[in-house]
Amino acid sequence: MSEARTLKVVLLGNSGVGKTCLRSQFVHHMFTNAYKATIGGDYLTSKVHIKVPENPDSYSETLDQQEDHPADQDRTVLVDKVVNLQIWDTAGQERFNSISQAFYRGADVVVLVYDVSNYESVVALNAWFSRFMEHCHVDNPGVFVLGNKIDKNRVIQKDEVARLLQASSEGGGPSIHDFLQKYTGRGGEFEPEDGIWEITCKKGEMVESFFTRVANYGVYGSESSQSTPLVRFDIDLSNNNQPPISKCC
């Protein structure tokens, strides 16, 4: 088995969209309806085991081969690959933005989370994306969009979400759609063809499918991203007069 790759994944979105539940379901296989606001940010790490072609020239070429010649899929030599997902849960409340932005630095992936029963949470995605791009210091991060709470009454349809994602970010920068990770077939039965995931955190198999797709991005899709060295910030929220302490890890 080849050496494990560590992928820094940041969850962003309005307060209450389910970022903490998403991570808890994936890492601890637990779901709770109890709501507790996240202050600042923290991370948990979980290993994802995936099967990858032994010597693919590129991810896209491997997929194209299997689509054009289905019989070749059975002859492809697959090897185990481990991806360590370092999943950062961040505050969704505006008053904590200045603290949370410290955790964006060096992120390989951002997951923009919205609530299908809350229209404002979708509209806010452009602002979250703009702030992330400003502070992540990564040239070409992986961007995923995840709608949560499909078990509730939705107030926005998926085609409207897609339209909003095509709008330019604040300041006239690139849109979320420009960076959105497209369909690959590697995310299992729940992977959407339009690249916009919609799940409920109550169903572990949906969450597992999503993070499997993120892990596959870590193996193939992040080769073109360039970032500064990963930095860990230890922030003492009990004393606002003290500056953050930065340590290399």
Protein backbone atom coordinates (compact mmCIF):
# COMPACT_ATOMS: atom_id res chain seq x y z
CA MET A 1 0.00 0.00 0.00
CA SER A 2 1.40 3.38 -0.98
CA GLU A 3 2.04 6.18 1.50
CA ALA A 4 -1.09 7.92 2.75
CA ARG A 5 -1.88 11.41 1.50
CA THR A 6 -3.23 13.99 3.94
CA LEU A 7 -5.90 16.32 2.60
CA LYS A 8 -7.00 19.45 4.46
CA VAL A 9 -10.76 19.86 4.03
CA VAL A 10 -12.60 22.96 5.29
CA LEU A 11 -16.38 22.99 5.81
CA LEU A 12 -17.98 26.40 5.22
CA GLY A 13 -21.54 27.68 5.32
CA ASN A 14 -24.08 29.56 7.39
CA SER A 15 -24.73 28.66 10.99
CA GLY A 16 -27.14 25.74 11.32
CA VAL A 17 -26.69 24.18 7.86
CA GLY A 18 -25.28 20.99 9.41
CA LYS A 19 -21.49 21.22 9.07
CA THR A 20 -20.84 19.74 12.51
CA CYS A 21 -23.40 16.97 11.94
CA LEU A 22 -21.80 16.18 8.59
CA ARG A 23 -18.39 15.67 10.15
CA SER A 24 -19.76 13.80 13.16
CA GLN A 25 -21.64 11.36 10.94
CA PHE A 26 -18.54 10.68 8.86
CA VAL A 27 -15.94 10.44 11.63
CA HIS A 28 -17.99 9.04 14.53
CA HIS A 29 -20.95 7.51 12.62
CA MET A 30 -23.27 9.47 14.88
CA PHE A 31 -26.12 11.88 14.18
CA THR A 32 -27.72 14.24 16.66
CA ASN A 33 -30.42 16.89 16.31
CA ALA A 34 -28.94 18.90 19.19
CA TYR A 35 -27.52 22.19 17.92
CA LYS A 36 -24.40 23.76 19.37
CA ALA A 37 -22.76 26.69 17.59
CA THR A 38 -19.13 26.18 16.57
CA ILE A 39 -16.72 28.86 17.81
CA GLY A 40 -13.63 29.42 15.68
CA GLY A 41 -12.76 26.01 14.29
CA ASP A 42 -11.23 22.63 14.97
CA TYR A 43 -10.45 19.50 13.01
CA LEU A 44 -10.84 15.74 13.18
CA THR A 45 -8.98 13.26 11.00
CA SER A 46 -10.40 10.14 9.40
CA LYS A 47 -8.86 7.62 7.01
CA VAL A 48 -10.55 6.75 3.73
CA HIS A 49 -9.56 3.55 1.90
CA ILE A 50 -10.10 3.63 -1.84
CA LYS A 51 -9.15 1.49 -4.83
CA VAL A 52 -7.20 3.17 -7.61
CA PRO A 53 -5.60 1.94 -10.86
CA GLU A 54 -2.00 0.91 -10.27
CA ASN A 55 -0.43 3.02 -13.01
CA PRO A 56 -2.99 5.43 -14.45
CA ASP A 57 -1.53 8.16 -16.66
CA SER A 58 -4.26 10.43 -15.38
CA TYR A 59 -7.62 10.16 -13.69
CA SER A 60 -9.60 11.31 -16.72
CA GLU A 61 -7.80 8.96 -19.13
CA THR A 62 -8.53 6.00 -16.86
CA LEU A 63 -12.24 6.87 -16.71
CA ASP A 64 -12.41 7.41 -20.49
CA GLN A 65 -10.82 4.00 -21.09
CA GLN A 66 -13.34 2.24 -18.90
CA GLU A 67 -16.24 4.06 -20.57
CA ASP A 68 -15.07 3.26 -24.12
CA HIS A 69 -14.01 -0.30 -23.30
CA PRO A 70 -16.05 -1.63 -20.36
CA ALA A 71 -14.32 -5.02 -20.54
CA ASP A 72 -11.00 -3.35 -19.74
CA GLN A 73 -12.35 -2.35 -16.34
CA ASP A 74 -12.11 -5.98 -15.20
CA ARG A 75 -8.47 -6.17 -16.33
CA THR A 76 -7.39 -2.95 -14.62
CA VAL A 77 -5.04 -3.66 -11.72
CA LEU A 78 -6.32 -1.86 -8.64
CA VAL A 79 -4.29 -1.05 -5.55
CA ASP A 80 -5.27 0.18 -2.10
CA LYS A 81 -4.79 3.86 -1.36
CA VAL A 82 -5.29 5.58 1.98
CA VAL A 83 -6.23 9.24 2.18
CA ASN A 84 -6.22 11.01 5.54
CA LEU A 85 -8.99 13.60 5.53
CA GLN A 86 -8.27 16.41 8.00
CA ILE A 87 -11.77 17.88 8.26
CA TRP A 88 -12.07 21.39 9.68
CA ASP A 89 -15.39 22.49 11.14
CA THR A 90 -15.70 26.29 11.20
CA ALA A 91 -18.05 28.83 12.74
CA GLY A 92 -20.97 29.92 10.59
CA GLN A 93 -21.73 33.07 12.59
CA GLU A 94 -20.46 36.33 11.12
CA ARG A 95 -18.92 37.52 14.40
CA PHE A 96 -16.42 34.65 14.26
CA ASN A 97 -15.35 35.22 10.64
CA SER A 98 -12.04 36.86 11.53
CA ILE A 99 -11.12 33.86 13.67
CA SER A 100 -12.29 31.18 11.25
CA GLN A 101 -10.42 32.67 8.29
CA ALA A 102 -7.15 31.70 9.95
CA PHE A 103 -8.07 28.06 9.39
CA TYR A 104 -8.56 28.43 5.62
CA ARG A 105 -4.83 28.70 4.94
CA GLY A 106 -3.38 25.77 3.00
CA ALA A 107 -6.74 24.02 2.51
CA ASP A 108 -6.76 21.53 -0.36
CA VAL A 109 -10.57 21.34 -0.45
CA VAL A 110 -13.46 23.55 0.57
CA VAL A 111 -16.94 22.10 1.06
CA LEU A 112 -19.61 24.80 0.75
CA VAL A 113 -22.62 23.56 2.72
CA TYR A 114 -26.18 24.84 2.39
CA ASP A 115 -29.56 23.85 3.80
CA VAL A 116 -32.20 23.00 1.17
CA SER A 117 -34.87 24.37 3.54
CA ASN A 118 -33.10 27.73 3.95
CA TYR A 119 -32.84 29.97 0.88
CA GLU A 120 -30.44 32.45 2.50
CA SER A 121 -27.92 29.67 3.14
CA VAL A 122 -27.65 29.18 -0.64
CA VAL A 123 -27.36 32.89 -1.42
CA ALA A 124 -24.57 33.16 1.17
CA LEU A 125 -22.37 30.57 -0.58
CA ASN A 126 -20.82 33.17 -2.89
CA ALA A 127 -19.66 35.25 0.08
CA TRP A 128 -18.21 32.17 1.80
CA PHE A 129 -16.42 31.19 -1.40
CA SER A 130 -15.02 34.69 -1.87
CA ARG A 131 -13.62 34.82 1.67
CA PHE A 132 -12.13 31.36 1.31
CA MET A 133 -10.36 32.21 -1.95
CA GLU A 134 -8.96 35.36 -0.36
CA HIS A 135 -7.48 33.59 2.65
CA CYS A 136 -6.67 30.01 1.59
CA HIS A 137 -3.44 30.88 -0.28
CA VAL A 138 -4.01 27.97 -2.68
CA ASP A 139 -4.03 28.59 -6.43
CA ASN A 140 -6.44 25.86 -7.49
CA PRO A 141 -8.34 24.33 -4.55
CA GLY A 142 -10.96 21.64 -4.91
CA VAL A 143 -14.46 23.07 -4.47
CA PHE A 144 -17.47 20.94 -3.56
CA VAL A 145 -21.04 22.10 -2.96
CA LEU A 146 -23.21 20.07 -0.60
CA GLY A 147 -26.91 20.61 0.11
CA ASN A 148 -28.03 19.15 3.43
CA LYS A 149 -31.40 18.28 5.03
CA ILE A 150 -33.17 16.80 2.00
CA ASP A 151 -35.41 15.05 4.54
CA LYS A 152 -37.02 18.46 5.20
CA ASN A 153 -39.27 20.60 3.01
CA ARG A 154 -37.03 22.29 0.47
CA VAL A 155 -37.50 25.94 -0.44
CA ILE A 156 -35.12 25.99 -3.40
CA GLN A 157 -34.79 23.64 -6.35
CA LYS A 158 -31.48 22.33 -7.58
CA ASP A 159 -31.59 24.19 -10.89
CA GLU A 160 -31.91 27.47 -8.98
CA VAL A 161 -28.90 26.49 -6.85
CA ALA A 162 -26.93 25.84 -10.03
CA ARG A 163 -27.90 29.25 -11.40
CA LEU A 164 -26.75 31.02 -8.24
CA LEU A 165 -23.42 29.17 -8.34
CA GLN A 166 -22.70 30.66 -11.75
CA ALA A 167 -22.82 34.21 -10.39
CA SER A 168 -19.46 35.93 -9.93
CA SER A 169 -18.14 36.09 -6.40
CA GLU A 170 -17.74 39.34 -4.49
CA GLY A 171 -15.49 41.80 -6.30
CA GLY A 172 -16.19 40.25 -9.70
CA GLY A 173 -13.94 37.24 -9.14
CA PRO A 174 -14.47 33.68 -10.44
CA SER A 175 -17.72 31.91 -9.69
CA ILE A 176 -18.15 28.77 -7.64
CA HIS A 177 -19.20 27.01 -10.83
CA ASP A 178 -15.77 27.72 -12.34
CA PHE A 179 -14.11 25.63 -9.61
CA LEU A 180 -16.86 23.07 -8.95
CA GLN A 181 -15.68 19.45 -9.10
CA LYS A 182 -17.58 17.66 -11.85
CA TYR A 183 -18.97 14.13 -12.03
CA THR A 184 -16.41 11.31 -12.07
CA GLY A 185 -18.32 8.18 -11.12
CA ARG A 186 -15.95 7.62 -8.21
CA GLY A 187 -18.33 8.84 -5.53
CA GLY A 188 -20.63 5.84 -5.61
CA GLU A 189 -24.35 5.72 -6.31
CA PHE A 190 -25.07 9.09 -4.68
CA GLU A 191 -22.63 11.15 -6.78
CA PRO A 192 -24.65 13.72 -8.77
CA GLU A 193 -23.98 14.27 -12.46
CA ASP A 194 -24.19 18.06 -12.08
CA GLY A 195 -21.59 18.14 -9.30
CA ILE A 196 -24.03 19.54 -6.71
CA TRP A 197 -24.46 17.05 -3.90
CA GLU A 198 -27.68 16.90 -1.89
CA ILE A 199 -27.91 14.59 1.11
CA THR A 200 -29.21 14.20 4.61
CA CYS A 201 -26.66 13.71 7.38
CA LYS A 202 -29.07 11.23 8.92
CA LYS A 203 -28.02 8.67 6.28
CA GLY A 204 -24.44 7.55 6.80
CA GLU A 205 -24.13 5.97 3.36
CA MET A 206 -24.74 9.35 1.70
CA VAL A 207 -22.08 11.02 3.84
CA GLU A 208 -19.65 8.16 3.19
CA SER A 209 -20.20 8.45 -0.55
CA PHE A 210 -19.49 12.17 -0.48
CA PHE A 211 -16.22 11.92 1.43
CA THR A 212 -15.11 9.01 -0.76
CA ARG A 213 -15.43 11.40 -3.70
CA VAL A 214 -13.39 14.02 -1.79
CA ALA A 215 -10.71 11.41 -1.09
CA ASN A 216 -10.54 10.54 -4.79
CA TYR A 217 -9.96 14.21 -5.51
CA GLY A 218 -7.00 13.99 -3.13
CA VAL A 219 -5.47 11.20 -5.21
CA TYR A 220 -6.09 12.62 -8.67
CA GLY A 221 -7.59 16.08 -8.76
CA SER A 222 -5.28 18.03 -6.46
CA GLU A 223 -2.12 17.57 -8.52
CA SER A 224 -2.45 21.05 -10.03
CA SER A 225 -3.04 22.88 -6.75
CA GLN A 226 -0.20 24.91 -5.30
CA SER A 227 -0.26 25.98 -1.68
CA THR A 228 1.87 27.37 1.08
CA PRO A 229 3.05 24.97 3.85
CA LEU A 230 0.27 23.85 6.20
CA VAL A 231 0.10 26.03 9.29
CA ARG A 232 -1.75 25.27 12.51
CA PHE A 233 -3.17 28.18 14.48
CA ASP A 234 -3.78 27.82 18.21
CA ILE A 235 -6.19 30.57 19.24
CA ASP A 236 -7.13 31.35 22.82
CA LEU A 237 -10.70 32.62 22.70
CA SER A 238 -10.69 33.50 26.39
CA ASN A 239 -8.35 36.47 25.92
CA ASN A 240 -8.98 38.68 22.91
CA ASN A 241 -5.98 40.86 23.72
CA GLN A 242 -3.49 38.15 22.92
CA PRO A 243 -2.58 37.61 19.25
CA PRO A 244 -2.93 34.13 17.69
CA ILE A 245 0.07 31.85 18.13
CA SER A 246 1.25 30.29 14.89
CA LYS A 247 3.16 27.02 14.87
CA CYS A 248 4.34 24.88 11.97
CA CYS A 249 3.25 21.29 12.26
